């Protein structure tokens, strides 16, 4: 991770790992923090990560340190276009597409920490650096 990154976007797995204090993820986040990168999630990732066993104090702590991007009608339409362009459709890819759309509109260079590097690469193309978790 020697090249500079301006923005780091987390998907569900990235946010979950942060809440769980996963050592590998925390080490990565420290590197990005040291280079001054902003952390970003899409608002619907909060819905995706929350369940009966979610550590809500840890989630709220993480959310206080991250920029939460809204998913507006315009963003949803752009995400739908990304899906179409990638040849993907259906609810399985819907949130991935909104995460990709959030990543694509952040200040570049952008890194996306994701457990779904194949689909995210299809959705983001070469404009976002995909970092598999």
N, C-alpha and C. Protein backbone atom coordinates (compact mmCIF):
# COMPACT_ATOMS: atom_id res chain seq x y z
N UNK A 1 0.83 -1.19 0.00
CA UNK A 1 0.00 0.00 0.00
C UNK A 1 0.87 1.25 0.00
N UNK A 2 1.86 1.29 -0.87
CA UNK A 2 2.78 2.41 -0.86
C UNK A 2 2.21 3.62 -1.58
N UNK A 3 1.35 3.41 -2.60
CA UNK A 3 0.81 4.57 -3.29
C UNK A 3 -0.26 5.25 -2.45
N UNK A 4 -0.33 6.56 -2.61
CA UNK A 4 -1.24 7.37 -1.80
C UNK A 4 -2.70 7.11 -2.16
N UNK A 5 -3.54 7.11 -1.16
CA UNK A 5 -4.98 6.94 -1.34
C UNK A 5 -5.66 8.12 -0.65
N UNK A 6 -6.61 8.74 -1.34
CA UNK A 6 -7.34 9.89 -0.80
C UNK A 6 -8.56 9.44 0.00
N UNK A 7 -9.25 8.40 -0.52
CA UNK A 7 -10.50 7.94 0.09
C UNK A 7 -10.50 6.42 0.18
N UNK A 8 -10.95 5.89 1.31
CA UNK A 8 -11.10 4.46 1.51
C UNK A 8 -12.57 4.18 1.76
N UNK A 9 -13.17 3.34 0.91
CA UNK A 9 -14.57 2.97 1.05
C UNK A 9 -14.64 1.56 1.63
N UNK A 10 -15.50 1.38 2.62
CA UNK A 10 -15.70 0.06 3.23
C UNK A 10 -17.05 -0.50 2.79
N UNK A 11 -17.07 -1.78 2.44
CA UNK A 11 -18.35 -2.45 2.21
C UNK A 11 -18.78 -3.12 3.52
N UNK A 12 -19.79 -3.97 3.44
CA UNK A 12 -20.29 -4.66 4.63
C UNK A 12 -19.17 -5.37 5.39
N UNK A 13 -18.36 -6.14 4.67
CA UNK A 13 -17.30 -6.90 5.35
C UNK A 13 -16.26 -5.98 5.99
N UNK A 14 -15.95 -4.89 5.31
CA UNK A 14 -14.99 -3.94 5.86
C UNK A 14 -15.49 -3.32 7.15
N UNK A 15 -16.76 -2.87 7.13
CA UNK A 15 -17.35 -2.27 8.33
C UNK A 15 -17.49 -3.32 9.44
N UNK A 16 -17.92 -4.53 9.09
CA UNK A 16 -18.05 -5.61 10.08
C UNK A 16 -16.70 -5.92 10.74
N UNK A 17 -15.66 -5.99 9.91
CA UNK A 17 -14.32 -6.29 10.44
C UNK A 17 -13.83 -5.18 11.36
N UNK A 18 -14.16 -3.94 11.01
CA UNK A 18 -13.77 -2.81 11.86
C UNK A 18 -14.48 -2.90 13.21
N UNK A 19 -15.79 -3.16 13.18
CA UNK A 19 -16.56 -3.29 14.42
C UNK A 19 -16.02 -4.44 15.27
N UNK A 20 -15.64 -5.54 14.62
CA UNK A 20 -15.10 -6.71 15.32
C UNK A 20 -13.63 -6.52 15.72
N UNK A 21 -13.06 -5.39 15.36
CA UNK A 21 -11.66 -5.08 15.64
C UNK A 21 -10.70 -6.12 15.07
N UNK A 22 -10.97 -6.53 13.83
CA UNK A 22 -10.10 -7.46 13.12
C UNK A 22 -8.70 -6.85 12.98
N UNK A 23 -7.68 -7.56 13.43
CA UNK A 23 -6.32 -7.01 13.46
C UNK A 23 -5.80 -6.62 12.08
N UNK A 24 -6.04 -7.48 11.09
CA UNK A 24 -5.55 -7.20 9.73
C UNK A 24 -6.20 -5.91 9.19
N UNK A 25 -7.51 -5.78 9.39
CA UNK A 25 -8.21 -4.59 8.91
C UNK A 25 -7.74 -3.35 9.68
N UNK A 26 -7.60 -3.45 11.00
CA UNK A 26 -7.15 -2.31 11.79
C UNK A 26 -5.77 -1.84 11.35
N UNK A 27 -4.90 -2.77 11.01
CA UNK A 27 -3.56 -2.40 10.53
C UNK A 27 -3.66 -1.65 9.20
N UNK A 28 -4.53 -2.12 8.30
CA UNK A 28 -4.74 -1.44 7.02
C UNK A 28 -5.29 -0.04 7.24
N UNK A 29 -6.29 0.07 8.11
CA UNK A 29 -6.90 1.38 8.37
C UNK A 29 -5.89 2.35 8.96
N UNK A 30 -4.96 1.84 9.78
CA UNK A 30 -3.93 2.71 10.36
C UNK A 30 -3.04 3.27 9.27
N UNK A 31 -2.66 2.45 8.30
CA UNK A 31 -1.83 2.90 7.17
C UNK A 31 -2.56 4.01 6.41
N UNK A 32 -3.84 3.77 6.11
CA UNK A 32 -4.62 4.78 5.38
C UNK A 32 -4.78 6.06 6.21
N UNK A 33 -5.02 5.89 7.52
CA UNK A 33 -5.16 7.05 8.41
C UNK A 33 -3.88 7.88 8.40
N UNK A 34 -2.73 7.20 8.44
CA UNK A 34 -1.43 7.88 8.46
C UNK A 34 -1.19 8.66 7.18
N UNK A 35 -1.77 8.22 6.05
CA UNK A 35 -1.61 8.99 4.80
C UNK A 35 -2.70 10.03 4.63
N UNK A 36 -3.58 10.15 5.62
CA UNK A 36 -4.59 11.19 5.58
C UNK A 36 -5.84 10.86 4.78
N UNK A 37 -6.06 9.59 4.51
CA UNK A 37 -7.24 9.19 3.72
C UNK A 37 -8.52 9.30 4.54
N UNK A 38 -9.60 9.65 3.86
CA UNK A 38 -10.92 9.69 4.49
C UNK A 38 -11.57 8.31 4.39
N UNK A 39 -12.27 7.89 5.45
CA UNK A 39 -13.04 6.65 5.44
C UNK A 39 -14.49 6.97 5.10
N UNK A 40 -15.07 6.15 4.20
CA UNK A 40 -16.41 6.41 3.71
C UNK A 40 -17.20 5.10 3.63
N UNK A 41 -18.51 5.17 3.93
CA UNK A 41 -19.43 4.07 3.64
C UNK A 41 -20.68 4.67 3.00
N UNK A 42 -21.44 3.83 2.34
CA UNK A 42 -22.76 4.22 1.88
C UNK A 42 -23.74 4.01 3.03
N UNK A 43 -24.76 4.86 3.11
CA UNK A 43 -25.71 4.80 4.23
C UNK A 43 -26.35 3.42 4.36
N UNK A 44 -26.62 2.75 3.24
CA UNK A 44 -27.29 1.45 3.34
C UNK A 44 -26.40 0.36 3.91
N UNK A 45 -25.08 0.60 3.99
CA UNK A 45 -24.19 -0.37 4.64
C UNK A 45 -24.51 -0.46 6.13
N UNK A 46 -25.02 0.62 6.72
CA UNK A 46 -25.43 0.60 8.13
C UNK A 46 -26.58 -0.41 8.31
N UNK A 47 -27.52 -0.39 7.39
CA UNK A 47 -28.65 -1.33 7.44
C UNK A 47 -28.14 -2.75 7.29
N UNK A 48 -27.21 -2.92 6.34
CA UNK A 48 -26.69 -4.25 6.03
C UNK A 48 -25.91 -4.85 7.20
N UNK A 49 -25.20 -4.02 7.96
CA UNK A 49 -24.32 -4.53 9.02
C UNK A 49 -25.07 -4.76 10.34
N UNK A 50 -26.25 -4.16 10.48
CA UNK A 50 -26.97 -4.22 11.75
C UNK A 50 -27.85 -5.46 11.84
N UNK A 51 -27.64 -6.24 12.90
CA UNK A 51 -28.47 -7.42 13.18
C UNK A 51 -28.51 -7.60 14.70
N UNK A 52 -29.15 -8.64 15.17
CA UNK A 52 -29.38 -8.80 16.62
C UNK A 52 -28.09 -8.90 17.42
N UNK A 53 -26.99 -9.37 16.80
CA UNK A 53 -25.74 -9.52 17.55
C UNK A 53 -24.74 -8.40 17.27
N UNK A 54 -25.15 -7.37 16.55
CA UNK A 54 -24.24 -6.26 16.26
C UNK A 54 -23.90 -5.53 17.56
N UNK A 55 -22.63 -5.25 17.75
CA UNK A 55 -22.18 -4.47 18.89
C UNK A 55 -22.49 -3.00 18.57
N UNK A 56 -23.66 -2.52 19.02
CA UNK A 56 -24.13 -1.18 18.66
C UNK A 56 -23.21 -0.06 19.17
N UNK A 57 -22.66 -0.16 20.40
CA UNK A 57 -21.72 0.89 20.81
C UNK A 57 -20.50 0.96 19.88
N UNK A 58 -19.98 -0.20 19.46
CA UNK A 58 -18.83 -0.21 18.53
C UNK A 58 -19.25 0.36 17.17
N UNK A 59 -20.44 -0.01 16.69
CA UNK A 59 -20.92 0.52 15.41
C UNK A 59 -21.05 2.04 15.50
N UNK A 60 -21.68 2.53 16.56
CA UNK A 60 -21.84 3.98 16.71
C UNK A 60 -20.50 4.69 16.82
N UNK A 61 -19.55 4.08 17.50
CA UNK A 61 -18.20 4.64 17.59
C UNK A 61 -17.58 4.72 16.19
N UNK A 62 -17.67 3.63 15.42
CA UNK A 62 -17.11 3.62 14.06
C UNK A 62 -17.79 4.68 13.19
N UNK A 63 -19.12 4.77 13.30
CA UNK A 63 -19.86 5.74 12.49
C UNK A 63 -19.48 7.18 12.83
N UNK A 64 -19.03 7.42 14.06
CA UNK A 64 -18.63 8.77 14.44
C UNK A 64 -17.28 9.15 13.81
N UNK A 65 -16.60 8.17 13.24
CA UNK A 65 -15.27 8.39 12.66
C UNK A 65 -15.22 8.18 11.15
N UNK A 66 -16.38 8.13 10.54
CA UNK A 66 -16.44 7.79 9.12
C UNK A 66 -17.45 8.71 8.44
N UNK A 67 -17.23 8.99 7.18
CA UNK A 67 -18.18 9.80 6.41
C UNK A 67 -19.24 8.85 5.84
N UNK A 68 -20.50 9.13 6.14
CA UNK A 68 -21.60 8.30 5.63
C UNK A 68 -22.24 9.03 4.46
N UNK A 69 -22.15 8.41 3.28
CA UNK A 69 -22.70 8.99 2.06
C UNK A 69 -24.16 8.58 1.90
N UNK A 70 -25.05 9.52 1.58
CA UNK A 70 -26.45 9.17 1.36
C UNK A 70 -26.63 8.39 0.06
N UNK A 71 -27.67 7.59 0.02
CA UNK A 71 -28.06 6.93 -1.23
C UNK A 71 -29.32 7.65 -1.70
N UNK A 72 -29.13 8.60 -2.58
CA UNK A 72 -30.23 9.42 -3.09
C UNK A 72 -30.84 8.76 -4.32
N UNK A 73 -31.90 9.35 -4.82
CA UNK A 73 -32.49 8.86 -6.07
C UNK A 73 -31.47 8.90 -7.20
N UNK A 74 -30.73 9.98 -7.28
CA UNK A 74 -29.69 10.12 -8.32
C UNK A 74 -28.62 9.03 -8.16
N UNK A 75 -28.20 8.76 -6.92
CA UNK A 75 -27.21 7.72 -6.65
C UNK A 75 -27.76 6.34 -7.03
N UNK A 76 -29.03 6.10 -6.70
CA UNK A 76 -29.65 4.81 -7.03
C UNK A 76 -29.72 4.61 -8.54
N UNK A 77 -30.04 5.66 -9.28
CA UNK A 77 -30.09 5.56 -10.75
C UNK A 77 -28.69 5.30 -11.32
N UNK A 78 -27.68 5.96 -10.75
CA UNK A 78 -26.30 5.73 -11.20
C UNK A 78 -25.87 4.30 -10.89
N UNK A 79 -26.26 3.78 -9.71
CA UNK A 79 -25.93 2.40 -9.34
C UNK A 79 -26.62 1.42 -10.29
N UNK A 80 -27.86 1.71 -10.66
CA UNK A 80 -28.58 0.86 -11.62
C UNK A 80 -27.86 0.83 -12.96
N UNK A 81 -27.33 1.96 -13.38
CA UNK A 81 -26.56 2.02 -14.64
C UNK A 81 -25.28 1.19 -14.53
N UNK A 82 -24.63 1.24 -13.36
CA UNK A 82 -23.42 0.42 -13.15
C UNK A 82 -23.75 -1.06 -13.29
N UNK A 83 -24.88 -1.48 -12.68
CA UNK A 83 -25.30 -2.88 -12.78
C UNK A 83 -25.52 -3.28 -14.23
N UNK A 84 -26.25 -2.43 -14.96
CA UNK A 84 -26.53 -2.70 -16.36
C UNK A 84 -25.22 -2.82 -17.15
N UNK A 85 -24.33 -1.88 -16.91
CA UNK A 85 -23.04 -1.87 -17.61
C UNK A 85 -22.19 -3.10 -17.32
N UNK A 86 -22.33 -3.63 -16.11
CA UNK A 86 -21.54 -4.80 -15.70
C UNK A 86 -22.25 -6.11 -16.07
N UNK A 87 -23.48 -6.00 -16.58
CA UNK A 87 -24.24 -7.21 -16.91
C UNK A 87 -24.75 -7.95 -15.69
N UNK A 88 -24.96 -7.24 -14.59
CA UNK A 88 -25.45 -7.84 -13.35
C UNK A 88 -26.85 -7.30 -13.06
N UNK A 89 -27.65 -8.06 -12.31
CA UNK A 89 -28.98 -7.56 -11.92
C UNK A 89 -29.47 -8.32 -10.70
N UNK A 90 -30.49 -7.81 -10.06
CA UNK A 90 -31.10 -8.50 -8.93
C UNK A 90 -30.62 -7.98 -7.60
N UNK A 91 -31.34 -8.40 -6.56
CA UNK A 91 -31.05 -7.89 -5.22
C UNK A 91 -29.68 -8.31 -4.71
N UNK A 92 -29.16 -9.43 -5.20
CA UNK A 92 -27.84 -9.90 -4.78
C UNK A 92 -26.76 -8.85 -5.04
N UNK A 93 -26.94 -8.07 -6.11
CA UNK A 93 -25.93 -7.09 -6.50
C UNK A 93 -26.32 -5.66 -6.18
N UNK A 94 -27.55 -5.43 -5.73
CA UNK A 94 -28.06 -4.07 -5.55
C UNK A 94 -27.21 -3.25 -4.59
N UNK A 95 -26.92 -3.79 -3.41
CA UNK A 95 -26.13 -3.02 -2.45
C UNK A 95 -24.69 -2.89 -2.92
N UNK A 96 -24.14 -3.94 -3.55
CA UNK A 96 -22.80 -3.82 -4.13
C UNK A 96 -22.74 -2.65 -5.11
N UNK A 97 -23.77 -2.50 -5.91
CA UNK A 97 -23.79 -1.41 -6.90
C UNK A 97 -23.84 -0.05 -6.22
N UNK A 98 -24.58 0.07 -5.10
CA UNK A 98 -24.61 1.35 -4.41
C UNK A 98 -23.26 1.65 -3.74
N UNK A 99 -22.58 0.61 -3.24
CA UNK A 99 -21.25 0.79 -2.66
C UNK A 99 -20.28 1.23 -3.76
N UNK A 100 -20.36 0.59 -4.93
CA UNK A 100 -19.50 0.97 -6.06
C UNK A 100 -19.77 2.41 -6.48
N UNK A 101 -21.04 2.79 -6.52
CA UNK A 101 -21.40 4.16 -6.92
C UNK A 101 -20.82 5.16 -5.93
N UNK A 102 -20.90 4.86 -4.64
CA UNK A 102 -20.31 5.74 -3.61
C UNK A 102 -18.80 5.86 -3.85
N UNK A 103 -18.14 4.74 -4.10
CA UNK A 103 -16.68 4.74 -4.32
C UNK A 103 -16.32 5.60 -5.54
N UNK A 104 -17.09 5.46 -6.60
CA UNK A 104 -16.77 6.17 -7.85
C UNK A 104 -16.94 7.68 -7.74
N UNK A 105 -17.73 8.16 -6.78
CA UNK A 105 -17.91 9.62 -6.68
C UNK A 105 -17.06 10.26 -5.58
N UNK A 106 -16.13 9.51 -4.99
CA UNK A 106 -15.25 10.06 -3.96
C UNK A 106 -14.00 10.69 -4.59
N UNK A 107 -13.33 11.59 -3.81
CA UNK A 107 -12.06 12.14 -4.29
C UNK A 107 -11.05 11.03 -4.55
N UNK A 108 -10.43 11.05 -5.73
CA UNK A 108 -9.49 10.01 -6.15
C UNK A 108 -8.08 10.34 -5.64
N UNK A 109 -7.20 9.36 -5.52
CA UNK A 109 -7.44 7.93 -5.73
C UNK A 109 -8.26 7.29 -4.60
N UNK A 110 -9.07 6.32 -5.01
CA UNK A 110 -9.99 5.64 -4.09
C UNK A 110 -9.60 4.17 -3.97
N UNK A 111 -9.63 3.66 -2.74
CA UNK A 111 -9.47 2.23 -2.49
C UNK A 111 -10.78 1.72 -1.89
N UNK A 112 -11.18 0.52 -2.29
CA UNK A 112 -12.40 -0.10 -1.77
C UNK A 112 -12.01 -1.41 -1.10
N UNK A 113 -12.26 -1.50 0.21
CA UNK A 113 -11.98 -2.72 0.96
C UNK A 113 -13.23 -3.58 0.91
N UNK A 114 -13.12 -4.74 0.27
CA UNK A 114 -14.31 -5.55 0.02
C UNK A 114 -14.03 -7.04 0.07
N UNK A 115 -15.07 -7.80 0.42
CA UNK A 115 -14.97 -9.26 0.38
C UNK A 115 -15.41 -9.77 -0.99
N UNK A 116 -15.87 -8.87 -1.85
CA UNK A 116 -16.45 -9.26 -3.13
C UNK A 116 -15.68 -8.61 -4.28
N UNK A 117 -14.37 -8.91 -4.35
CA UNK A 117 -13.52 -8.21 -5.30
C UNK A 117 -13.90 -8.44 -6.76
N UNK A 118 -14.42 -9.63 -7.10
CA UNK A 118 -14.79 -9.90 -8.50
C UNK A 118 -15.91 -8.97 -8.97
N UNK A 119 -17.02 -8.95 -8.21
CA UNK A 119 -18.14 -8.10 -8.60
C UNK A 119 -17.78 -6.62 -8.52
N UNK A 120 -17.03 -6.23 -7.50
CA UNK A 120 -16.66 -4.83 -7.37
C UNK A 120 -15.74 -4.38 -8.50
N UNK A 121 -14.89 -5.27 -8.97
CA UNK A 121 -14.03 -4.94 -10.12
C UNK A 121 -14.89 -4.74 -11.36
N UNK A 122 -15.90 -5.59 -11.55
CA UNK A 122 -16.83 -5.42 -12.68
C UNK A 122 -17.56 -4.09 -12.59
N UNK A 123 -17.97 -3.71 -11.39
CA UNK A 123 -18.77 -2.50 -11.20
C UNK A 123 -17.93 -1.22 -11.25
N UNK A 124 -16.71 -1.26 -10.74
CA UNK A 124 -15.89 -0.05 -10.64
C UNK A 124 -14.88 0.11 -11.78
N UNK A 125 -14.61 -0.99 -12.50
CA UNK A 125 -13.60 -0.91 -13.54
C UNK A 125 -12.24 -0.58 -12.93
N UNK A 126 -11.45 0.19 -13.65
CA UNK A 126 -10.10 0.50 -13.18
C UNK A 126 -10.05 1.81 -12.40
N UNK A 127 -11.20 2.43 -12.16
CA UNK A 127 -11.22 3.75 -11.50
C UNK A 127 -11.03 3.66 -9.98
N UNK A 128 -11.24 2.46 -9.41
CA UNK A 128 -11.13 2.27 -7.98
C UNK A 128 -10.18 1.11 -7.72
N UNK A 129 -9.28 1.29 -6.77
CA UNK A 129 -8.36 0.20 -6.38
C UNK A 129 -9.11 -0.74 -5.45
N UNK A 130 -9.31 -1.99 -5.89
CA UNK A 130 -10.04 -2.98 -5.10
C UNK A 130 -9.05 -3.72 -4.22
N UNK A 131 -9.30 -3.72 -2.92
CA UNK A 131 -8.45 -4.43 -1.96
C UNK A 131 -9.28 -5.52 -1.31
N UNK A 132 -8.99 -6.78 -1.66
CA UNK A 132 -9.79 -7.90 -1.12
C UNK A 132 -9.57 -8.08 0.39
N UNK A 133 -10.66 -8.42 1.07
CA UNK A 133 -10.59 -8.71 2.52
C UNK A 133 -10.73 -10.20 2.74
